Amino acid sequence: MDALTFKIERSRSRRGKHVLYSALFVYDKEEGLLPYTKAKVRYSEQQTKATYSRGEAKSVLVELERGDYAIYAWFVKNFKNKVKGYISVYNYKGELVYRAKYLDGYLVRSKGDPIYAWLVRLFISSQKIPITGTKLGDESERAARTSR
């Protein structure tokens, strides 16, 4: 059981042209998807410097139990209202098992095994993040299930 470190923040640039948001959720095998503060995991927080000048950030150290997953989301919005970022899934050992890139409502797999795409889909639906299309690697499996 290794500890994972994440930077959780909400910050914006001096003129407000860029806004950064990051969040950490834990998928507990019994409880489901929860924010790390409400999940049954050991964590410690420490204040750190934010990426942009206005806002706050903290460094979070999380220890997961066997079978749990950490879902870390990082998004930045620019002055043209374009949003880009990524959603990463880590297992209890601290290994990155899946990453999906987000660009203006479109979600594309960039790393990892498509077996973990369901965690990204669960995160997206629970947080009501607007999605126009996906290529997460599990589309052929989903099409086979719906055609039966």
C-alpha atoms as a PDB file:
ATOM      1  CA  MET A   1       0.000   0.000   0.000  1.00  0.00           C
ATOM      2  CA  ASP A   2       1.795   3.081  -1.293  1.00  0.00           C
ATOM      3  CA  ALA A   3       0.850   6.681  -0.661  1.00  0.00           C
ATOM      4  CA  LEU A   4      -0.136   8.930  -3.557  1.00  0.00           C
ATOM      5  CA  THR A   5       0.442  12.690  -3.662  1.00  0.00           C
ATOM      6  CA  PHE A   6      -1.864  15.051  -5.563  1.00  0.00           C
ATOM      7  CA  LYS A   7      -2.104  18.823  -5.943  1.00  0.00           C
ATOM      8  CA  ILE A   8      -5.690  19.965  -5.419  1.00  0.00           C
ATOM      9  CA  GLU A   9      -6.382  23.563  -6.359  1.00  0.00           C
ATOM     10  CA  ARG A  10      -8.732  26.266  -7.530  1.00  0.00           C
ATOM     11  CA  SER A  11      -6.848  29.234  -8.902  1.00  0.00           C
ATOM     12  CA  ARG A  12      -7.065  31.913 -11.563  1.00  0.00           C
ATOM     13  CA  SER A  13      -4.608  34.158 -13.284  1.00  0.00           C
ATOM     14  CA  ARG A  14      -4.090  37.771 -12.251  1.00  0.00           C
ATOM     15  CA  ARG A  15      -6.342  39.113 -15.028  1.00  0.00           C
ATOM     16  CA  GLY A  16      -8.765  36.203 -14.866  1.00  0.00           C
ATOM     17  CA  LYS A  17      -7.979  34.882 -18.339  1.00  0.00           C
ATOM     18  CA  HIS A  18      -7.082  31.396 -17.105  1.00  0.00           C
ATOM     19  CA  VAL A  19      -8.851  29.339 -14.468  1.00  0.00           C
ATOM     20  CA  LEU A  20      -7.472  26.074 -13.110  1.00  0.00           C
ATOM     21  CA  TYR A  21      -9.446  23.440 -11.224  1.00  0.00           C
ATOM     22  CA  SER A  22      -8.313  20.060  -9.964  1.00  0.00           C
ATOM     23  CA  ALA A  23     -10.088  17.495  -7.813  1.00  0.00           C
ATOM     24  CA  LEU A  24      -9.488  14.099  -6.253  1.00  0.00           C
ATOM     25  CA  PHE A  25     -12.093  11.387  -5.829  1.00  0.00           C
ATOM     26  CA  VAL A  26     -11.784   7.869  -4.478  1.00  0.00           C
ATOM     27  CA  TYR A  27     -13.689   4.867  -5.774  1.00  0.00           C
ATOM     28  CA  ASP A  28     -14.263   2.672  -2.735  1.00  0.00           C
ATOM     29  CA  LYS A  29     -15.351  -0.888  -3.494  1.00  0.00           C
ATOM     30  CA  GLU A  30     -18.137  -0.678  -0.887  1.00  0.00           C
ATOM     31  CA  GLU A  31     -19.122   3.007  -0.921  1.00  0.00           C
ATOM     32  CA  GLY A  32     -18.693   3.937  -4.601  1.00  0.00           C
ATOM     33  CA  LEU A  33     -17.282   7.241  -5.875  1.00  0.00           C
ATOM     34  CA  LEU A  34     -16.674   9.810  -3.129  1.00  0.00           C
ATOM     35  CA  PRO A  35     -14.525  12.908  -2.588  1.00  0.00           C
ATOM     36  CA  TYR A  36     -11.321  11.929  -0.811  1.00  0.00           C
ATOM     37  CA  THR A  37     -12.417  13.790   2.337  1.00  0.00           C
ATOM     38  CA  LYS A  38     -15.547  11.605   2.698  1.00  0.00           C
ATOM     39  CA  ALA A  39     -14.028   8.277   1.668  1.00  0.00           C
ATOM     40  CA  LYS A  40     -12.661   5.785   4.200  1.00  0.00           C
ATOM     41  CA  VAL A  41      -9.014   6.461   3.354  1.00  0.00           C
ATOM     42  CA  ARG A  42      -6.148   7.923   5.327  1.00  0.00           C
ATOM     43  CA  TYR A  43      -5.061  11.294   3.994  1.00  0.00           C
ATOM     44  CA  SER A  44      -3.052  14.314   5.040  1.00  0.00           C
ATOM     45  CA  GLU A  45      -3.177  17.827   3.617  1.00  0.00           C
ATOM     46  CA  GLN A  46      -0.561  20.527   3.424  1.00  0.00           C
ATOM     47  CA  GLN A  47      -0.914  24.040   2.008  1.00  0.00           C
ATOM     48  CA  THR A  48       1.158  24.715  -1.101  1.00  0.00           C
ATOM     49  CA  LYS A  49       1.572  27.437  -3.724  1.00  0.00           C
ATOM     50  CA  ALA A  50      -1.115  27.655  -6.407  1.00  0.00           C
ATOM     51  CA  THR A  51      -0.271  27.635 -10.108  1.00  0.00           C
ATOM     52  CA  TYR A  52      -1.900  31.021 -10.701  1.00  0.00           C
ATOM     53  CA  SER A  53      -1.712  34.090  -8.466  1.00  0.00           C
ATOM     54  CA  ARG A  54      -5.268  34.102  -7.121  1.00  0.00           C
ATOM     55  CA  GLY A  55      -6.617  31.063  -5.350  1.00  0.00           C
ATOM     56  CA  GLU A  56      -5.475  28.311  -3.087  1.00  0.00           C
ATOM     57  CA  ALA A  57      -3.858  24.909  -3.391  1.00  0.00           C
ATOM     58  CA  LYS A  58      -3.011  21.999  -1.161  1.00  0.00           C
ATOM     59  CA  SER A  59      -0.887  18.929  -1.491  1.00  0.00           C
ATOM     60  CA  VAL A  60      -2.801  15.798  -0.496  1.00  0.00           C
ATOM     61  CA  LEU A  61      -1.216  12.498   0.487  1.00  0.00           C
ATOM     62  CA  VAL A  62      -3.668   9.575   0.190  1.00  0.00           C
ATOM     63  CA  GLU A  63      -3.301   5.920   1.187  1.00  0.00           C
ATOM     64  CA  LEU A  64      -5.730   3.573  -0.576  1.00  0.00           C
ATOM     65  CA  GLU A  65      -6.912   0.125   0.441  1.00  0.00           C
ATOM     66  CA  ARG A  66      -6.628  -2.870  -1.881  1.00  0.00           C
ATOM     67  CA  GLY A  67      -9.287  -2.656  -4.614  1.00  0.00           C
ATOM     68  CA  ASP A  68      -9.765   1.121  -4.338  1.00  0.00           C
ATOM     69  CA  TYR A  69      -8.967   3.632  -7.092  1.00  0.00           C
ATOM     70  CA  ALA A  70      -8.050   7.312  -7.016  1.00  0.00           C
ATOM     71  CA  ILE A  71      -9.537   9.490  -9.767  1.00  0.00           C
ATOM     72  CA  TYR A  72      -7.664  12.763 -10.252  1.00  0.00           C
ATOM     73  CA  ALA A  73      -9.098  15.425 -12.562  1.00  0.00           C
ATOM     74  CA  TRP A  74      -7.227  18.517 -13.762  1.00  0.00           C
ATOM     75  CA  PHE A  75      -8.886  21.182 -15.953  1.00  0.00           C
ATOM     76  CA  VAL A  76      -7.888  24.631 -17.193  1.00  0.00           C
ATOM     77  CA  LYS A  77     -10.136  27.144 -18.989  1.00  0.00           C
ATOM     78  CA  ASN A  78      -8.566  29.870 -21.126  1.00  0.00           C
ATOM     79  CA  PHE A  79      -9.818  33.299 -22.172  1.00  0.00           C
ATOM     80  CA  LYS A  80     -11.568  31.825 -25.246  1.00  0.00           C
ATOM     81  CA  ASN A  81     -13.636  29.599 -22.915  1.00  0.00           C
ATOM     82  CA  LYS A  82     -11.841  26.495 -24.195  1.00  0.00           C
ATOM     83  CA  VAL A  83     -11.492  23.835 -21.523  1.00  0.00           C
ATOM     84  CA  LYS A  84      -8.771  21.224 -21.606  1.00  0.00           C
ATOM     85  CA  GLY A  85      -7.412  18.791 -19.092  1.00  0.00           C
ATOM     86  CA  TYR A  86      -7.194  15.158 -18.155  1.00  0.00           C
ATOM     87  CA  ILE A  87      -8.710  12.553 -15.871  1.00  0.00           C
ATOM     88  CA  SER A  88      -6.302  10.003 -14.402  1.00  0.00           C
ATOM     89  CA  VAL A  89      -7.071   6.735 -12.617  1.00  0.00           C
ATOM     90  CA  TYR A  90      -4.573   5.293 -10.105  1.00  0.00           C
ATOM     91  CA  ASN A  91      -4.756   1.911  -8.393  1.00  0.00           C
ATOM     92  CA  TYR A  92      -4.029   1.236  -4.715  1.00  0.00           C
ATOM     93  CA  LYS A  93      -0.327   0.654  -5.474  1.00  0.00           C
ATOM     94  CA  GLY A  94       0.043   4.178  -6.841  1.00  0.00           C
ATOM     95  CA  GLU A  95       0.345   3.132 -10.493  1.00  0.00           C
ATOM     96  CA  LEU A  96      -1.297   5.134 -13.259  1.00  0.00           C
ATOM     97  CA  VAL A  97      -3.630   2.598 -14.872  1.00  0.00           C
ATOM     98  CA  TYR A  98      -5.649   4.911 -17.165  1.00  0.00           C
ATOM     99  CA  ARG A  99      -5.660   8.498 -18.404  1.00  0.00           C
ATOM    100  CA  ALA A 100      -8.175  10.281 -20.607  1.00  0.00           C
ATOM    101  CA  LYS A 101      -7.589  13.678 -22.188  1.00  0.00           C
ATOM    102  CA  TYR A 102     -10.442  16.220 -22.189  1.00  0.00           C
ATOM    103  CA  LEU A 103     -10.709  18.922 -24.853  1.00  0.00           C
ATOM    104  CA  ASP A 104     -13.881  21.015 -25.169  1.00  0.00           C
ATOM    105  CA  GLY A 105     -16.317  18.267 -24.321  1.00  0.00           C
ATOM    106  CA  TYR A 106     -14.501  15.482 -26.137  1.00  0.00           C
ATOM    107  CA  LEU A 107     -12.855  12.730 -24.103  1.00  0.00           C
ATOM    108  CA  VAL A 108     -10.071  10.588 -25.605  1.00  0.00           C
ATOM    109  CA  ARG A 109      -8.015   7.789 -24.058  1.00  0.00           C
ATOM    110  CA  SER A 110      -4.326   8.659 -23.934  1.00  0.00           C
ATOM    111  CA  LYS A 111      -2.773   5.994 -21.667  1.00  0.00           C
ATOM    112  CA  GLY A 112      -3.654   2.738 -20.012  1.00  0.00           C
ATOM    113  CA  ASP A 113      -5.962  -0.226 -20.336  1.00  0.00           C
ATOM    114  CA  PRO A 114      -9.543   0.506 -21.561  1.00  0.00           C
ATOM    115  CA  ILE A 115     -10.822  -1.822 -18.816  1.00  0.00           C
ATOM    116  CA  TYR A 116     -10.654   1.220 -16.480  1.00  0.00           C
ATOM    117  CA  ALA A 117     -12.685   3.535 -18.750  1.00  0.00           C
ATOM    118  CA  TRP A 118     -15.809   2.859 -16.666  1.00  0.00           C
ATOM    119  CA  LEU A 119     -14.232   4.782 -13.768  1.00  0.00           C
ATOM    120  CA  VAL A 120     -13.805   7.847 -15.997  1.00  0.00           C
ATOM    121  CA  ARG A 121     -17.388   7.505 -17.231  1.00  0.00           C
ATOM    122  CA  LEU A 122     -18.616   7.224 -13.634  1.00  0.00           C
ATOM    123  CA  PHE A 123     -16.675  10.361 -12.664  1.00  0.00           C
ATOM    124  CA  ILE A 124     -17.972  12.329 -15.669  1.00  0.00           C
ATOM    125  CA  SER A 125     -21.603  11.402 -14.978  1.00  0.00           C
ATOM    126  CA  SER A 126     -21.397  12.042 -11.221  1.00  0.00           C
ATOM    127  CA  GLN A 127     -19.783  15.477 -11.675  1.00  0.00           C
ATOM    128  CA  LYS A 128     -22.071  16.407 -14.616  1.00  0.00           C
ATOM    129  CA  ILE A 129     -19.157  17.389 -16.864  1.00  0.00           C
ATOM    130  CA  PRO A 130     -20.476  18.205 -20.371  1.00  0.00           C
ATOM    131  CA  ILE A 131     -19.438  15.588 -22.930  1.00  0.00           C
ATOM    132  CA  THR A 132     -20.080  15.746 -26.682  1.00  0.00           C
ATOM    133  CA  GLY A 133     -18.189  12.581 -27.627  1.00  0.00           C
ATOM    134  CA  THR A 134     -15.815   9.923 -26.353  1.00  0.00           C
ATOM    135  CA  LYS A 135     -13.095   7.592 -27.597  1.00  0.00           C
ATOM    136  CA  LEU A 136     -12.162   5.829 -24.390  1.00  0.00           C
ATOM    137  CA  GLY A 137     -11.392   2.435 -25.918  1.00  0.00           C
ATOM    138  CA  ASP A 138     -14.455   0.639 -24.577  1.00  0.00           C
ATOM    139  CA  GLU A 139     -16.904   1.757 -27.288  1.00  0.00           C
ATOM    140  CA  SER A 140     -17.000  -1.610 -29.128  1.00  0.00           C
ATOM    141  CA  GLU A 141     -17.846  -3.378 -25.865  1.00  0.00           C
ATOM    142  CA  ARG A 142     -20.605  -0.862 -25.071  1.00  0.00           C
ATOM    143  CA  ALA A 143     -22.073  -1.202 -28.584  1.00  0.00           C
ATOM    144  CA  ALA A 144     -22.158  -5.008 -28.250  1.00  0.00           C
ATOM    145  CA  ARG A 145     -24.015  -4.746 -24.920  1.00  0.00           C
ATOM    146  CA  THR A 146     -26.652  -2.328 -26.256  1.00  0.00           C
ATOM    147  CA  SER A 147     -27.313  -4.316 -29.459  1.00  0.00           C
ATOM    148  CA  ARG A 148     -28.317  -7.507 -27.578  1.00  0.00           C
END
